[in-house]
N, C-alpha and C. Protein backbone atom coordinates (compact mmCIF):
# COMPACT_ATOMS: atom_id res chain seq x y z
N ALA A 1 -45.12 -83.39 -3.99
CA ALA A 1 -44.36 -82.13 -4.29
C ALA A 1 -43.02 -81.76 -3.86
N ARG A 2 -42.68 -82.52 -2.90
CA ARG A 2 -41.36 -82.28 -2.10
C ARG A 2 -40.51 -82.77 -3.35
N ARG A 3 -40.60 -83.61 -3.97
CA ARG A 3 -39.79 -84.54 -4.73
C ARG A 3 -39.43 -83.30 -6.26
N LEU A 4 -40.69 -82.52 -6.27
CA LEU A 4 -40.26 -81.46 -7.29
C LEU A 4 -39.47 -80.33 -7.02
N GLY A 5 -38.87 -80.13 -5.70
CA GLY A 5 -38.25 -79.10 -5.24
C GLY A 5 -39.20 -78.06 -4.64
N LEU A 6 -40.33 -78.18 -4.50
CA LEU A 6 -41.34 -77.37 -3.84
C LEU A 6 -41.50 -77.24 -2.18
N PRO A 7 -40.49 -77.33 -1.73
CA PRO A 7 -40.73 -77.53 -0.16
C PRO A 7 -41.65 -76.41 0.42
N GLY A 8 -41.28 -75.05 -0.07
CA GLY A 8 -42.03 -73.79 0.81
C GLY A 8 -43.38 -73.90 0.29
N THR A 9 -43.75 -74.69 -1.12
CA THR A 9 -45.34 -74.42 -1.57
C THR A 9 -46.00 -75.84 -1.58
N ALA A 10 -45.15 -76.68 -1.31
CA ALA A 10 -45.80 -78.35 -1.30
C ALA A 10 -46.94 -78.33 -0.31
N PRO A 11 -46.93 -77.84 0.87
CA PRO A 11 -48.42 -77.89 1.98
C PRO A 11 -49.43 -77.49 1.08
N THR A 12 -49.84 -76.93 0.67
CA THR A 12 -50.95 -76.72 -0.37
C THR A 12 -50.95 -76.78 -1.76
N GLN A 13 -52.13 -78.03 -2.26
CA GLN A 13 -51.74 -77.72 -3.68
C GLN A 13 -51.84 -76.59 -4.64
N SER A 14 -52.58 -75.60 -4.32
CA SER A 14 -52.60 -74.39 -4.99
C SER A 14 -51.44 -73.86 -5.02
N ALA A 15 -50.83 -73.46 -4.39
CA ALA A 15 -49.47 -72.99 -4.24
C ALA A 15 -48.65 -73.76 -4.88
N ALA A 16 -48.31 -74.84 -4.78
CA ALA A 16 -47.63 -76.03 -5.68
C ALA A 16 -47.54 -75.81 -6.97
N LEU A 17 -49.45 -75.80 -7.62
CA LEU A 17 -49.41 -75.36 -8.98
C LEU A 17 -48.83 -74.37 -9.63
N ALA A 18 -48.93 -73.23 -8.46
CA ALA A 18 -48.74 -71.71 -8.89
C ALA A 18 -46.99 -71.81 -9.49
N THR A 19 -46.44 -72.59 -8.50
CA THR A 19 -45.04 -72.17 -8.24
C THR A 19 -44.22 -73.39 -9.79
N ILE A 20 -45.29 -74.43 -9.86
CA ILE A 20 -44.96 -75.26 -11.27
C ILE A 20 -45.46 -74.43 -12.61
N GLN A 21 -46.10 -73.77 -12.36
CA GLN A 21 -46.66 -72.95 -13.49
C GLN A 21 -45.79 -71.79 -14.09
N GLY A 22 -45.43 -71.14 -12.65
CA GLY A 22 -44.19 -69.99 -12.93
C GLY A 22 -43.00 -70.44 -13.19
N ARG A 23 -42.28 -71.71 -12.78
CA ARG A 23 -41.32 -72.51 -13.56
C ARG A 23 -41.46 -72.72 -14.88
N GLY A 24 -42.50 -73.12 -15.05
CA GLY A 24 -42.94 -73.48 -16.59
C GLY A 24 -42.70 -71.96 -17.29
N GLY A 25 -43.31 -71.01 -17.19
CA GLY A 25 -43.31 -70.02 -17.87
C GLY A 25 -42.09 -69.31 -17.87
N VAL A 26 -41.15 -69.28 -16.82
CA VAL A 26 -39.50 -68.94 -16.85
C VAL A 26 -38.89 -69.86 -17.85
N ALA A 27 -38.92 -71.17 -17.70
CA ALA A 27 -38.30 -71.88 -18.74
C ALA A 27 -38.91 -71.84 -20.18
N PHE A 28 -40.03 -71.56 -20.56
CA PHE A 28 -40.29 -71.84 -21.73
C PHE A 28 -40.83 -70.28 -22.20
N GLY A 29 -40.98 -69.62 -21.54
CA GLY A 29 -41.34 -68.21 -21.89
C GLY A 29 -40.62 -67.41 -23.19
N ASN A 30 -39.42 -67.87 -23.28
CA ASN A 30 -38.71 -67.16 -24.58
C ASN A 30 -38.82 -67.56 -25.62
N VAL A 31 -39.39 -68.89 -25.69
CA VAL A 31 -39.68 -69.26 -27.25
C VAL A 31 -40.58 -68.62 -27.86
N PRO A 32 -41.99 -68.06 -27.58
CA PRO A 32 -42.25 -67.00 -28.56
C PRO A 32 -41.37 -65.76 -29.35
N GLY A 33 -40.67 -65.26 -28.12
CA GLY A 33 -40.09 -64.11 -28.58
C GLY A 33 -39.03 -64.45 -29.33
N MET A 34 -38.33 -65.78 -28.97
CA MET A 34 -37.16 -66.06 -30.05
C MET A 34 -37.76 -66.42 -31.64
N GLN A 35 -38.80 -67.33 -31.64
CA GLN A 35 -39.45 -67.47 -33.19
C GLN A 35 -39.88 -66.26 -33.52
N VAL A 36 -40.17 -64.94 -32.98
CA VAL A 36 -40.39 -63.80 -33.62
C VAL A 36 -39.10 -63.06 -34.40
N TYR A 37 -38.11 -63.30 -33.39
CA TYR A 37 -36.50 -62.66 -33.76
C TYR A 37 -36.16 -63.67 -34.96
N VAL A 38 -36.45 -64.90 -35.06
CA VAL A 38 -35.84 -65.72 -36.07
C VAL A 38 -36.55 -65.33 -37.29
N VAL A 39 -38.09 -65.35 -37.17
CA VAL A 39 -38.99 -64.64 -38.64
C VAL A 39 -38.45 -63.29 -38.64
N GLN A 40 -38.60 -62.61 -38.11
CA GLN A 40 -37.90 -61.15 -38.78
C GLN A 40 -36.39 -61.15 -39.22
N LYS A 41 -35.35 -61.64 -38.66
CA LYS A 41 -34.36 -61.87 -39.39
C LYS A 41 -34.46 -62.92 -40.57
N ALA A 42 -35.09 -63.55 -40.81
CA ALA A 42 -35.52 -64.44 -41.89
C ALA A 42 -36.02 -63.15 -42.76
N GLU A 43 -36.91 -62.58 -42.46
CA GLU A 43 -37.65 -61.58 -43.50
C GLU A 43 -36.46 -60.68 -43.90
N GLN A 44 -35.39 -60.16 -43.13
CA GLN A 44 -34.52 -59.17 -43.08
C GLN A 44 -33.37 -59.71 -44.34
N PHE A 45 -33.05 -61.29 -44.07
CA PHE A 45 -31.79 -61.67 -45.17
C PHE A 45 -32.57 -62.88 -46.27
N THR A 46 -33.32 -63.31 -46.09
CA THR A 46 -33.86 -64.26 -46.64
C THR A 46 -35.31 -64.56 -46.81
N PRO A 47 -35.49 -63.36 -47.28
CA PRO A 47 -37.39 -63.10 -47.26
C PRO A 47 -38.13 -64.36 -48.05
N ASN A 48 -37.59 -65.32 -49.09
CA ASN A 48 -38.28 -66.39 -49.51
C ASN A 48 -38.20 -67.60 -48.69
N ALA A 49 -37.68 -67.60 -47.53
CA ALA A 49 -37.43 -68.75 -46.76
C ALA A 49 -37.52 -68.64 -45.54
N VAL A 50 -38.81 -67.65 -45.20
CA VAL A 50 -39.32 -67.75 -43.84
C VAL A 50 -39.80 -68.87 -42.93
N ASP A 51 -40.48 -69.57 -43.84
CA ASP A 51 -41.30 -70.77 -43.20
C ASP A 51 -40.04 -71.73 -43.13
N VAL A 52 -39.15 -71.54 -43.88
CA VAL A 52 -38.11 -72.86 -43.20
C VAL A 52 -37.17 -72.17 -42.36
N ALA A 53 -36.82 -71.36 -41.89
CA ALA A 53 -36.58 -70.21 -41.04
C ALA A 53 -37.08 -70.49 -39.61
N SER A 54 -38.42 -70.63 -39.92
CA SER A 54 -39.10 -70.96 -38.73
C SER A 54 -39.30 -72.35 -38.33
N GLY A 55 -39.19 -73.22 -39.32
CA GLY A 55 -39.10 -74.89 -38.94
C GLY A 55 -37.65 -75.09 -38.26
N LEU A 56 -36.69 -74.41 -38.78
CA LEU A 56 -35.23 -74.87 -38.63
C LEU A 56 -35.49 -74.61 -36.70
N ASN A 57 -36.12 -73.66 -36.20
CA ASN A 57 -36.09 -72.49 -35.32
C ASN A 57 -36.65 -73.86 -34.31
N ILE A 58 -37.50 -74.33 -34.24
CA ILE A 58 -38.33 -74.96 -33.55
C ILE A 58 -37.63 -76.60 -33.89
N ALA A 59 -37.16 -76.73 -35.08
CA ALA A 59 -35.99 -77.91 -34.90
C ALA A 59 -35.33 -78.02 -33.73
N ALA A 60 -34.49 -77.09 -33.95
CA ALA A 60 -33.64 -76.06 -33.07
C ALA A 60 -33.96 -76.73 -31.50
N PHE A 61 -34.95 -76.07 -31.14
CA PHE A 61 -35.32 -76.15 -29.75
C PHE A 61 -35.52 -77.62 -29.72
N ASN A 62 -36.07 -78.51 -30.37
CA ASN A 62 -36.17 -79.86 -30.26
C ASN A 62 -34.96 -80.84 -30.11
N ILE A 63 -33.95 -80.22 -30.83
CA ILE A 63 -32.52 -80.97 -30.52
C ILE A 63 -32.04 -80.68 -29.42
N GLY A 64 -32.17 -79.34 -28.77
CA GLY A 64 -31.87 -78.86 -27.62
C GLY A 64 -32.17 -79.64 -26.36
N ILE A 65 -33.41 -80.12 -26.36
CA ILE A 65 -33.99 -80.71 -25.66
C ILE A 65 -33.36 -81.89 -25.25
N ALA A 66 -33.57 -82.61 -26.42
CA ALA A 66 -33.07 -84.29 -26.73
C ALA A 66 -31.55 -84.12 -25.95
N LEU A 67 -30.76 -82.92 -26.36
CA LEU A 67 -29.19 -83.41 -26.40
C LEU A 67 -29.31 -82.61 -24.81
N GLY A 68 -30.02 -81.70 -24.53
CA GLY A 68 -30.10 -81.54 -22.64
C GLY A 68 -30.51 -83.06 -22.03
N SER A 69 -31.47 -83.78 -22.58
CA SER A 69 -31.68 -84.61 -21.71
C SER A 69 -30.51 -85.88 -21.81
N VAL A 70 -29.67 -86.16 -23.06
CA VAL A 70 -28.72 -86.69 -22.93
C VAL A 70 -27.28 -86.47 -22.48
N ILE A 71 -26.73 -85.22 -22.53
CA ILE A 71 -25.97 -84.99 -21.88
C ILE A 71 -26.32 -84.88 -20.19
N GLY A 72 -27.51 -84.11 -19.71
CA GLY A 72 -27.80 -84.38 -18.56
C GLY A 72 -28.03 -85.85 -17.95
N GLY A 73 -28.26 -86.65 -18.43
CA GLY A 73 -28.33 -88.14 -18.10
C GLY A 73 -26.57 -88.48 -17.65
N GLN A 74 -25.82 -88.16 -18.67
CA GLN A 74 -24.17 -88.15 -18.55
C GLN A 74 -23.58 -87.59 -17.59
N MET A 75 -24.30 -86.52 -17.30
CA MET A 75 -23.67 -85.53 -16.32
C MET A 75 -23.90 -86.20 -14.94
N VAL A 76 -25.20 -86.78 -14.69
CA VAL A 76 -25.71 -87.33 -13.36
C VAL A 76 -25.05 -88.88 -13.29
N GLU A 77 -25.05 -89.19 -14.43
CA GLU A 77 -24.46 -90.82 -14.13
C GLU A 77 -22.69 -90.65 -13.91
N HIS A 78 -22.11 -89.72 -14.40
CA HIS A 78 -20.74 -89.49 -14.01
C HIS A 78 -20.16 -88.70 -13.04
N TYR A 79 -20.81 -87.65 -12.74
CA TYR A 79 -20.70 -86.54 -11.19
C TYR A 79 -21.98 -86.76 -9.94
N GLY A 80 -22.61 -87.17 -10.28
CA GLY A 80 -23.78 -87.18 -9.58
C GLY A 80 -25.08 -86.63 -9.33
N LEU A 81 -25.83 -86.73 -8.90
CA LEU A 81 -26.92 -85.92 -8.56
C LEU A 81 -26.43 -84.48 -8.19
N ALA A 82 -26.20 -84.26 -7.16
CA ALA A 82 -25.61 -83.38 -6.13
C ALA A 82 -24.83 -82.50 -6.88
N GLN A 83 -24.38 -82.79 -8.23
CA GLN A 83 -23.41 -81.80 -9.14
C GLN A 83 -24.29 -80.73 -9.88
N THR A 84 -25.65 -81.30 -10.27
CA THR A 84 -26.14 -80.73 -11.52
C THR A 84 -26.68 -79.40 -11.00
N PRO A 85 -27.18 -78.34 -9.83
CA PRO A 85 -26.82 -77.14 -9.85
C PRO A 85 -25.71 -76.66 -10.32
N TRP A 86 -24.31 -76.79 -10.29
CA TRP A 86 -23.08 -76.48 -10.49
C TRP A 86 -23.04 -76.23 -12.19
N ILE A 87 -23.72 -77.68 -12.49
CA ILE A 87 -23.24 -78.11 -14.04
C ILE A 87 -24.36 -76.98 -14.75
N GLY A 88 -25.70 -77.05 -14.05
CA GLY A 88 -26.66 -75.89 -14.55
C GLY A 88 -26.44 -74.58 -14.71
N ALA A 89 -25.56 -74.08 -13.80
CA ALA A 89 -25.25 -72.50 -13.51
C ALA A 89 -24.07 -72.38 -14.90
N LEU A 90 -23.22 -73.34 -14.82
CA LEU A 90 -22.30 -73.14 -16.11
C LEU A 90 -22.98 -73.44 -17.40
N ILE A 91 -24.03 -73.96 -17.61
CA ILE A 91 -24.83 -73.67 -18.83
C ILE A 91 -25.52 -72.76 -19.20
N VAL A 92 -25.96 -72.17 -18.13
CA VAL A 92 -26.71 -70.42 -17.79
C VAL A 92 -25.49 -69.72 -18.06
N LEU A 93 -24.58 -69.87 -17.74
CA LEU A 93 -23.21 -68.73 -17.94
C LEU A 93 -22.65 -68.99 -19.33
N VAL A 94 -22.62 -70.20 -20.15
CA VAL A 94 -22.51 -69.78 -21.21
C VAL A 94 -24.03 -69.31 -22.43
N ALA A 95 -24.67 -69.81 -21.67
CA ALA A 95 -26.11 -69.56 -22.33
C ALA A 95 -25.71 -67.31 -22.48
N PHE A 96 -25.34 -67.12 -21.19
CA PHE A 96 -25.42 -65.85 -21.04
C PHE A 96 -24.40 -65.05 -22.11
N LEU A 97 -23.07 -65.68 -22.24
CA LEU A 97 -22.12 -65.27 -22.98
C LEU A 97 -22.44 -65.36 -24.44
N LEU A 98 -23.42 -66.22 -24.88
CA LEU A 98 -23.70 -66.47 -26.16
C LEU A 98 -24.44 -65.33 -26.67
N MET A 99 -25.61 -65.10 -25.51
CA MET A 99 -26.33 -63.98 -25.64
C MET A 99 -25.74 -62.67 -25.82
N GLY A 100 -24.69 -62.12 -25.14
CA GLY A 100 -23.91 -60.86 -25.44
C GLY A 100 -23.40 -60.84 -26.39
N VAL A 101 -22.67 -62.25 -26.96
CA VAL A 101 -22.01 -62.39 -28.63
C VAL A 101 -23.20 -61.76 -29.73
N SER A 102 -24.29 -62.52 -29.39
CA SER A 102 -25.46 -62.42 -30.58
C SER A 102 -25.88 -60.99 -30.12
N GLY A 103 -26.06 -60.19 -29.26
CA GLY A 103 -26.13 -58.93 -29.10
C GLY A 103 -25.39 -57.67 -29.80
N ARG A 104 -24.21 -58.22 -29.64
CA ARG A 104 -23.19 -57.52 -30.18
C ARG A 104 -22.96 -57.66 -31.64
N LEU A 105 -23.58 -58.82 -32.59
CA LEU A 105 -23.42 -58.94 -33.71
C LEU A 105 -24.62 -58.38 -34.59
N ASP A 106 -25.50 -58.11 -33.71
CA ASP A 106 -26.81 -57.75 -34.25
C ASP A 106 -26.79 -55.92 -34.07
N LYS A 107 -25.51 -55.10 -33.40
CA LYS A 107 -25.62 -53.74 -33.22
C LYS A 107 -25.30 -53.62 -34.82
N PRO A 108 -25.76 -52.21 -35.19
CA PRO A 108 -25.62 -51.57 -36.34
C PRO A 108 -24.14 -51.35 -36.39
N VAL A 109 -23.40 -51.32 -37.72
CA VAL A 109 -22.02 -51.14 -38.01
C VAL A 109 -22.26 -49.61 -38.43
N ARG A 110 -21.32 -48.90 -37.62
CA ARG A 110 -21.44 -47.49 -37.93
C ARG A 110 -19.65 -47.45 -38.54
N ILE A 111 -19.75 -47.07 -39.86
CA ILE A 111 -18.51 -46.35 -40.58
C ILE A 111 -18.36 -45.04 -40.49
N ALA A 112 -17.18 -44.65 -39.97
CA ALA A 112 -16.65 -43.51 -40.17
C ALA A 112 -16.12 -42.86 -41.41
N LEU A 113 -16.90 -41.60 -41.52
CA LEU A 113 -16.76 -40.82 -43.04
C LEU A 113 -15.48 -40.13 -42.65
N GLU A 114 -14.39 -40.22 -43.33
CA GLU A 114 -13.31 -39.32 -43.50
C GLU A 114 -13.25 -38.22 -44.49
């Protein structure tokens, strides 16, 4: 369990399991909400292609997992395992920036009438 980065909960199996489940929830808990968001946007803009949008969304998640594995492996090979927290933090920062851009794009546009 220590190899999983669970030094505080490693002594007991149930605590380690709860930690792993919590990490899984944080890591993948956004998938259902993102799927709902994509389906709602598809219903709004392309009502005849909701199933296509849903499938593309899941495909994008799978591509992200594959690319993350490849890029992560390259980062470890070139920069070492000790640098992965900094690289991960940079990826999270970019994700937050993209989330902000997405939020701004979703805001309704107000047109001032003169």
